[in-house]
Amino acid sequence: MSRKGNCYNNASMESFFATLKSELFHLNKFSSIDELHKAIRRYIRYYNHHRDMHRLGGLSPVQYRLKNAIPVS
């Protein structure tokens, strides 16, 4: 944990939530909490498995981790 008033340990989650809100929440209307919950689950799956990220060489986060994984012997 960082010192009080220092937000460096929270920057990655803040970035993710900003992306989630701009790409999912603000573009749709949800009639129930259950519908919102399902949409968030689908979005997280998309974000991790299908969304190509430029900084990862055009791979999704899961593809990048699998490509760079160290084989277990």
PDB file of N, CA and C in Angstrom:
ATOM      1  N   MET A   1       0.837  -1.179   0.000  1.00  0.00           N
ATOM      2  CA  MET A   1       0.000   0.000   0.000  1.00  0.00           C
ATOM      3  C   MET A   1       0.883   1.243   0.000  1.00  0.00           C
ATOM      4  N   SER A   2       0.431   2.232  -0.681  1.00  0.00           N
ATOM      5  CA  SER A   2       1.177   3.481  -0.699  1.00  0.00           C
ATOM      6  C   SER A   2       0.789   4.322   0.514  1.00  0.00           C
ATOM      7  N   ARG A   3       1.512   5.392   0.699  1.00  0.00           N
ATOM      8  CA  ARG A   3       1.218   6.275   1.834  1.00  0.00           C
ATOM      9  C   ARG A   3      -0.132   6.960   1.668  1.00  0.00           C
ATOM     10  N   LYS A   4      -0.633   7.492   2.739  1.00  0.00           N
ATOM     11  CA  LYS A   4      -1.905   8.200   2.711  1.00  0.00           C
ATOM     12  C   LYS A   4      -1.825   9.369   1.733  1.00  0.00           C
ATOM     13  N   GLY A   5      -2.847   9.487   0.898  1.00  0.00           N
ATOM     14  CA  GLY A   5      -2.879  10.573  -0.063  1.00  0.00           C
ATOM     15  C   GLY A   5      -2.151  10.280  -1.360  1.00  0.00           C
ATOM     16  N   ASN A   6      -1.584   9.080  -1.482  1.00  0.00           N
ATOM     17  CA  ASN A   6      -0.847   8.701  -2.672  1.00  0.00           C
ATOM     18  C   ASN A   6      -1.668   7.626  -3.403  1.00  0.00           C
ATOM     19  N   CYS A   7      -2.077   7.909  -4.625  1.00  0.00           N
ATOM     20  CA  CYS A   7      -3.026   7.028  -5.309  1.00  0.00           C
ATOM     21  C   CYS A   7      -2.379   6.057  -6.287  1.00  0.00           C
ATOM     22  N   TYR A   8      -1.094   5.868  -6.267  1.00  0.00           N
ATOM     23  CA  TYR A   8      -0.440   5.026  -7.268  1.00  0.00           C
ATOM     24  C   TYR A   8      -0.917   3.582  -7.250  1.00  0.00           C
ATOM     25  N   ASN A   9      -1.252   3.048  -6.107  1.00  0.00           N
ATOM     26  CA  ASN A   9      -1.675   1.649  -6.047  1.00  0.00           C
ATOM     27  C   ASN A   9      -3.082   1.454  -6.592  1.00  0.00           C
ATOM     28  N   ASN A  10      -3.816   2.501  -6.842  1.00  0.00           N
ATOM     29  CA  ASN A  10      -5.194   2.404  -7.293  1.00  0.00           C
ATOM     30  C   ASN A  10      -5.348   2.829  -8.755  1.00  0.00           C
ATOM     31  N   ALA A  11      -4.284   3.242  -9.405  1.00  0.00           N
ATOM     32  CA  ALA A  11      -4.374   3.823 -10.745  1.00  0.00           C
ATOM     33  C   ALA A  11      -4.902   2.835 -11.779  1.00  0.00           C
ATOM     34  N   SER A  12      -4.496   1.583 -11.734  1.00  0.00           N
ATOM     35  CA  SER A  12      -4.951   0.622 -12.742  1.00  0.00           C
ATOM     36  C   SER A  12      -6.450   0.359 -12.627  1.00  0.00           C
ATOM     37  N   MET A  13      -6.972   0.254 -11.415  1.00  0.00           N
ATOM     38  CA  MET A  13      -8.414   0.033 -11.250  1.00  0.00           C
ATOM     39  C   MET A  13      -9.213   1.278 -11.612  1.00  0.00           C
ATOM     40  N   GLU A  14      -8.693   2.447 -11.286  1.00  0.00           N
ATOM     41  CA  GLU A  14      -9.372   3.683 -11.671  1.00  0.00           C
ATOM     42  C   GLU A  14      -9.465   3.773 -13.191  1.00  0.00           C
ATOM     43  N   SER A  15      -8.413   3.387 -13.885  1.00  0.00           N
ATOM     44  CA  SER A  15      -8.406   3.399 -15.340  1.00  0.00           C
ATOM     45  C   SER A  15      -9.431   2.409 -15.889  1.00  0.00           C
ATOM     46  N   PHE A  16      -9.484   1.198 -15.315  1.00  0.00           N
ATOM     47  CA  PHE A  16     -10.447   0.199 -15.763  1.00  0.00           C
ATOM     48  C   PHE A  16     -11.881   0.687 -15.556  1.00  0.00           C
ATOM     49  N   PHE A  17     -12.183   1.240 -14.384  1.00  0.00           N
ATOM     50  CA  PHE A  17     -13.544   1.699 -14.118  1.00  0.00           C
ATOM     51  C   PHE A  17     -13.933   2.863 -15.020  1.00  0.00           C
ATOM     52  N   ALA A  18     -12.994   3.727 -15.357  1.00  0.00           N
ATOM     53  CA  ALA A  18     -13.281   4.822 -16.286  1.00  0.00           C
ATOM     54  C   ALA A  18     -13.632   4.255 -17.663  1.00  0.00           C
ATOM     55  N   THR A  19     -12.887   3.245 -18.106  1.00  0.00           N
ATOM     56  CA  THR A  19     -13.165   2.603 -19.390  1.00  0.00           C
ATOM     57  C   THR A  19     -14.505   1.885 -19.346  1.00  0.00           C
ATOM     58  N   LEU A  20     -14.777   1.165 -18.282  1.00  0.00           N
ATOM     59  CA  LEU A  20     -16.045   0.461 -18.117  1.00  0.00           C
ATOM     60  C   LEU A  20     -17.218   1.429 -18.200  1.00  0.00           C
ATOM     61  N   LYS A  21     -17.116   2.538 -17.499  1.00  0.00           N
ATOM     62  CA  LYS A  21     -18.209   3.508 -17.510  1.00  0.00           C
ATOM     63  C   LYS A  21     -18.396   4.133 -18.883  1.00  0.00           C
ATOM     64  N   SER A  22     -17.305   4.478 -19.560  1.00  0.00           N
ATOM     65  CA  SER A  22     -17.442   5.144 -20.857  1.00  0.00           C
ATOM     66  C   SER A  22     -17.878   4.186 -21.962  1.00  0.00           C
ATOM     67  N   GLU A  23     -17.469   2.920 -21.914  1.00  0.00           N
ATOM     68  CA  GLU A  23     -17.794   1.971 -22.972  1.00  0.00           C
ATOM     69  C   GLU A  23     -19.056   1.155 -22.706  1.00  0.00           C
ATOM     70  N   LEU A  24     -19.514   1.085 -21.472  1.00  0.00           N
ATOM     71  CA  LEU A  24     -20.678   0.256 -21.162  1.00  0.00           C
ATOM     72  C   LEU A  24     -21.784   1.048 -20.462  1.00  0.00           C
ATOM     73  N   PHE A  25     -21.466   1.591 -19.319  1.00  0.00           N
ATOM     74  CA  PHE A  25     -22.502   2.150 -18.456  1.00  0.00           C
ATOM     75  C   PHE A  25     -23.191   3.367 -19.062  1.00  0.00           C
ATOM     76  N   HIS A  26     -22.432   4.323 -19.582  1.00  0.00           N
ATOM     77  CA  HIS A  26     -23.028   5.557 -20.099  1.00  0.00           C
ATOM     78  C   HIS A  26     -23.694   5.372 -21.462  1.00  0.00           C
ATOM     79  N   LEU A  27     -23.420   4.279 -22.150  1.00  0.00           N
ATOM     80  CA  LEU A  27     -23.992   4.045 -23.474  1.00  0.00           C
ATOM     81  C   LEU A  27     -25.274   3.226 -23.443  1.00  0.00           C
ATOM     82  N   ASN A  28     -25.634   2.688 -22.284  1.00  0.00           N
ATOM     83  CA  ASN A  28     -26.796   1.804 -22.179  1.00  0.00           C
ATOM     84  C   ASN A  28     -27.692   2.220 -21.026  1.00  0.00           C
ATOM     85  N   LYS A  29     -28.955   1.777 -21.110  1.00  0.00           N
ATOM     86  CA  LYS A  29     -29.890   1.928 -19.997  1.00  0.00           C
ATOM     87  C   LYS A  29     -30.220   0.533 -19.503  1.00  0.00           C
ATOM     88  N   PHE A  30     -30.223   0.366 -18.198  1.00  0.00           N
ATOM     89  CA  PHE A  30     -30.480  -0.932 -17.590  1.00  0.00           C
ATOM     90  C   PHE A  30     -31.766  -0.857 -16.781  1.00  0.00           C
ATOM     91  N   SER A  31     -32.626  -1.856 -16.966  1.00  0.00           N
ATOM     92  CA  SER A  31     -33.924  -1.848 -16.288  1.00  0.00           C
ATOM     93  C   SER A  31     -33.873  -2.476 -14.902  1.00  0.00           C
ATOM     94  N   SER A  32     -32.775  -3.186 -14.599  1.00  0.00           N
ATOM     95  CA  SER A  32     -32.664  -3.807 -13.281  1.00  0.00           C
ATOM     96  C   SER A  32     -31.196  -3.976 -12.908  1.00  0.00           C
ATOM     97  N   ILE A  33     -30.965  -4.188 -11.640  1.00  0.00           N
ATOM     98  CA  ILE A  33     -29.612  -4.430 -11.149  1.00  0.00           C
ATOM     99  C   ILE A  33     -29.073  -5.744 -11.733  1.00  0.00           C
ATOM    100  N   ASP A  34     -29.949  -6.731 -11.860  1.00  0.00           N
ATOM    101  CA  ASP A  34     -29.528  -8.018 -12.420  1.00  0.00           C
ATOM    102  C   ASP A  34     -29.050  -7.860 -13.867  1.00  0.00           C
ATOM    103  N   GLU A  35     -29.749  -7.058 -14.650  1.00  0.00           N
ATOM    104  CA  GLU A  35     -29.349  -6.795 -16.031  1.00  0.00           C
ATOM    105  C   GLU A  35     -27.989  -6.080 -16.077  1.00  0.00           C
ATOM    106  N   LEU A  36     -27.789  -5.115 -15.191  1.00  0.00           N
ATOM    107  CA  LEU A  36     -26.510  -4.416 -15.105  1.00  0.00           C
ATOM    108  C   LEU A  36     -25.398  -5.378 -14.707  1.00  0.00           C
ATOM    109  N   HIS A  37     -25.656  -6.249 -13.749  1.00  0.00           N
ATOM    110  CA  HIS A  37     -24.677  -7.226 -13.285  1.00  0.00           C
ATOM    111  C   HIS A  37     -24.242  -8.150 -14.429  1.00  0.00           C
ATOM    112  N   LYS A  38     -25.203  -8.625 -15.206  1.00  0.00           N
ATOM    113  CA  LYS A  38     -24.887  -9.493 -16.348  1.00  0.00           C
ATOM    114  C   LYS A  38     -24.074  -8.751 -17.398  1.00  0.00           C
ATOM    115  N   ALA A  39     -24.426  -7.498 -17.652  1.00  0.00           N
ATOM    116  CA  ALA A  39     -23.695  -6.706 -18.646  1.00  0.00           C
ATOM    117  C   ALA A  39     -22.253  -6.466 -18.188  1.00  0.00           C
ATOM    118  N   ILE A  40     -22.054  -6.213 -16.904  1.00  0.00           N
ATOM    119  CA  ILE A  40     -20.696  -6.007 -16.380  1.00  0.00           C
ATOM    120  C   ILE A  40     -19.883  -7.280 -16.502  1.00  0.00           C
ATOM    121  N   ARG A  41     -20.486  -8.434 -16.199  1.00  0.00           N
ATOM    122  CA  ARG A  41     -19.778  -9.712 -16.347  1.00  0.00           C
ATOM    123  C   ARG A  41     -19.362  -9.948 -17.798  1.00  0.00           C
ATOM    124  N   ARG A  42     -20.282  -9.678 -18.746  1.00  0.00           N
ATOM    125  CA  ARG A  42     -19.946  -9.830 -20.171  1.00  0.00           C
ATOM    126  C   ARG A  42     -18.832  -8.874 -20.578  1.00  0.00           C
ATOM    127  N   TYR A  43     -18.896  -7.642 -20.086  1.00  0.00           N
ATOM    128  CA  TYR A  43     -17.882  -6.654 -20.440  1.00  0.00           C
ATOM    129  C   TYR A  43     -16.509  -7.062 -19.903  1.00  0.00           C
ATOM    130  N   ILE A  44     -16.432  -7.560 -18.681  1.00  0.00           N
ATOM    131  CA  ILE A  44     -15.149  -7.984 -18.107  1.00  0.00           C
ATOM    132  C   ILE A  44     -14.578  -9.148 -18.913  1.00  0.00           C
ATOM    133  N   ARG A  45     -15.431 -10.072 -19.334  1.00  0.00           N
ATOM    134  CA  ARG A  45     -14.954 -11.178 -20.178  1.00  0.00           C
ATOM    135  C   ARG A  45     -14.424 -10.647 -21.505  1.00  0.00           C
ATOM    136  N   TYR A  46     -15.171  -9.728 -22.110  1.00  0.00           N
ATOM    137  CA  TYR A  46     -14.719  -9.102 -23.357  1.00  0.00           C
ATOM    138  C   TYR A  46     -13.394  -8.366 -23.143  1.00  0.00           C
ATOM    139  N   TYR A  47     -13.303  -7.604 -22.091  1.00  0.00           N
ATOM    140  CA  TYR A  47     -12.116  -6.798 -21.806  1.00  0.00           C
ATOM    141  C   TYR A  47     -10.868  -7.676 -21.652  1.00  0.00           C
ATOM    142  N   ASN A  48     -11.009  -8.817 -21.003  1.00  0.00           N
ATOM    143  CA  ASN A  48      -9.861  -9.692 -20.763  1.00  0.00           C
ATOM    144  C   ASN A  48      -9.544 -10.645 -21.907  1.00  0.00           C
ATOM    145  N   HIS A  49     -10.559 -11.100 -22.636  1.00  0.00           N
ATOM    146  CA  HIS A  49     -10.345 -12.155 -23.622  1.00  0.00           C
ATOM    147  C   HIS A  49     -10.391 -11.714 -25.074  1.00  0.00           C
ATOM    148  N   HIS A  50     -11.052 -10.611 -25.393  1.00  0.00           N
ATOM    149  CA  HIS A  50     -11.268 -10.260 -26.788  1.00  0.00           C
ATOM    150  C   HIS A  50     -10.795  -8.866 -27.178  1.00  0.00           C
ATOM    151  N   ARG A  51     -10.652  -7.978 -26.247  1.00  0.00           N
ATOM    152  CA  ARG A  51     -10.298  -6.593 -26.556  1.00  0.00           C
ATOM    153  C   ARG A  51      -8.807  -6.491 -26.848  1.00  0.00           C
ATOM    154  N   ASP A  52      -8.471  -6.128 -28.092  1.00  0.00           N
ATOM    155  CA  ASP A  52      -7.073  -5.977 -28.473  1.00  0.00           C
ATOM    156  C   ASP A  52      -6.518  -4.689 -27.880  1.00  0.00           C
ATOM    157  N   MET A  53      -5.334  -4.784 -27.290  1.00  0.00           N
ATOM    158  CA  MET A  53      -4.719  -3.612 -26.660  1.00  0.00           C
ATOM    159  C   MET A  53      -3.420  -3.286 -27.388  1.00  0.00           C
ATOM    160  N   HIS A  54      -3.319  -2.058 -27.836  1.00  0.00           N
ATOM    161  CA  HIS A  54      -2.159  -1.604 -28.602  1.00  0.00           C
ATOM    162  C   HIS A  54      -0.854  -1.813 -27.830  1.00  0.00           C
ATOM    163  N   ARG A  55      -0.854  -1.485 -26.558  1.00  0.00           N
ATOM    164  CA  ARG A  55       0.386  -1.598 -25.769  1.00  0.00           C
ATOM    165  C   ARG A  55       0.814  -3.047 -25.535  1.00  0.00           C
ATOM    166  N   LEU A  56      -0.072  -3.997 -25.804  1.00  0.00           N
ATOM    167  CA  LEU A  56       0.268  -5.417 -25.668  1.00  0.00           C
ATOM    168  C   LEU A  56       0.525  -6.051 -27.034  1.00  0.00           C
ATOM    169  N   GLY A  57       0.823  -5.229 -28.016  1.00  0.00           N
ATOM    170  CA  GLY A  57       1.124  -5.734 -29.341  1.00  0.00           C
ATOM    171  C   GLY A  57      -0.089  -6.240 -30.097  1.00  0.00           C
ATOM    172  N   GLY A  58      -1.263  -5.674 -29.807  1.00  0.00           N
ATOM    173  CA  GLY A  58      -2.479  -6.079 -30.497  1.00  0.00           C
ATOM    174  C   GLY A  58      -3.133  -7.321 -29.936  1.00  0.00           C
ATOM    175  N   LEU A  59      -2.639  -7.812 -28.818  1.00  0.00           N
ATOM    176  CA  LEU A  59      -3.206  -9.000 -28.180  1.00  0.00           C
ATOM    177  C   LEU A  59      -4.130  -8.607 -27.040  1.00  0.00           C
ATOM    178  N   SER A  60      -5.039  -9.502 -26.706  1.00  0.00           N
ATOM    179  CA  SER A  60      -5.848  -9.286 -25.505  1.00  0.00           C
ATOM    180  C   SER A  60      -4.975  -9.605 -24.288  1.00  0.00           C
ATOM    181  N   PRO A  61      -5.360  -9.149 -23.096  1.00  0.00           N
ATOM    182  CA  PRO A  61      -4.550  -9.461 -21.911  1.00  0.00           C
ATOM    183  C   PRO A  61      -4.325 -10.956 -21.690  1.00  0.00           C
ATOM    184  N   VAL A  62      -5.342 -11.781 -21.913  1.00  0.00           N
ATOM    185  CA  VAL A  62      -5.190 -13.225 -21.718  1.00  0.00           C
ATOM    186  C   VAL A  62      -4.242 -13.804 -22.763  1.00  0.00           C
ATOM    187  N   GLN A  63      -4.381 -13.394 -24.022  1.00  0.00           N
ATOM    188  CA  GLN A  63      -3.482 -13.871 -25.070  1.00  0.00           C
ATOM    189  C   GLN A  63      -2.039 -13.471 -24.768  1.00  0.00           C
ATOM    190  N   TYR A  64      -1.852 -12.250 -24.292  1.00  0.00           N
ATOM    191  CA  TYR A  64      -0.513 -11.764 -23.970  1.00  0.00           C
ATOM    192  C   TYR A  64       0.116 -12.597 -22.853  1.00  0.00           C
ATOM    193  N   ARG A  65      -0.656 -12.882 -21.802  1.00  0.00           N
ATOM    194  CA  ARG A  65      -0.134 -13.681 -20.689  1.00  0.00           C
ATOM    195  C   ARG A  65       0.203 -15.098 -21.135  1.00  0.00           C
ATOM    196  N   LEU A  66      -0.649 -15.692 -21.972  1.00  0.00           N
ATOM    197  CA  LEU A  66      -0.389 -17.047 -22.447  1.00  0.00           C
ATOM    198  C   LEU A  66       0.835 -17.100 -23.360  1.00  0.00           C
ATOM    199  N   LYS A  67       0.999 -16.078 -24.187  1.00  0.00           N
ATOM    200  CA  LYS A  67       2.152 -16.022 -25.091  1.00  0.00           C
ATOM    201  C   LYS A  67       3.462 -15.907 -24.312  1.00  0.00           C
ATOM    202  N   ASN A  68       3.444 -15.158 -23.226  1.00  0.00           N
ATOM    203  CA  ASN A  68       4.647 -14.896 -22.447  1.00  0.00           C
ATOM    204  C   ASN A  68       4.766 -15.746 -21.194  1.00  0.00           C
ATOM    205  N   ALA A  69       3.946 -16.772 -21.102  1.00  0.00           N
ATOM    206  CA  ALA A  69       3.972 -17.641 -19.911  1.00  0.00           C
ATOM    207  C   ALA A  69       5.222 -18.504 -19.922  1.00  0.00           C
ATOM    208  N   ILE A  70       5.745 -18.728 -18.749  1.00  0.00           N
ATOM    209  CA  ILE A  70       6.911 -19.607 -18.576  1.00  0.00           C
ATOM    210  C   ILE A  70       6.379 -21.020 -18.389  1.00  0.00           C
ATOM    211  N   PRO A  71       6.811 -21.974 -19.235  1.00  0.00           N
ATOM    212  CA  PRO A  71       6.314 -23.356 -19.101  1.00  0.00           C
ATOM    213  C   PRO A  71       6.689 -23.952 -17.722  1.00  0.00           C
ATOM    214  N   VAL A  72       5.745 -24.675 -17.161  1.00  0.00           N
ATOM    215  CA  VAL A  72       5.975 -25.342 -15.881  1.00  0.00           C
ATOM    216  C   VAL A  72       6.511 -26.730 -16.175  1.00  0.00           C
ATOM    217  N   SER A  73       7.643 -27.056 -15.542  1.00  0.00           N
ATOM    218  CA  SER A  73       8.209 -28.384 -15.796  1.00  0.00           C
ATOM    219  C   SER A  73       8.052 -29.303 -14.625  1.00  0.00           C
TER     220      SER A  73
END
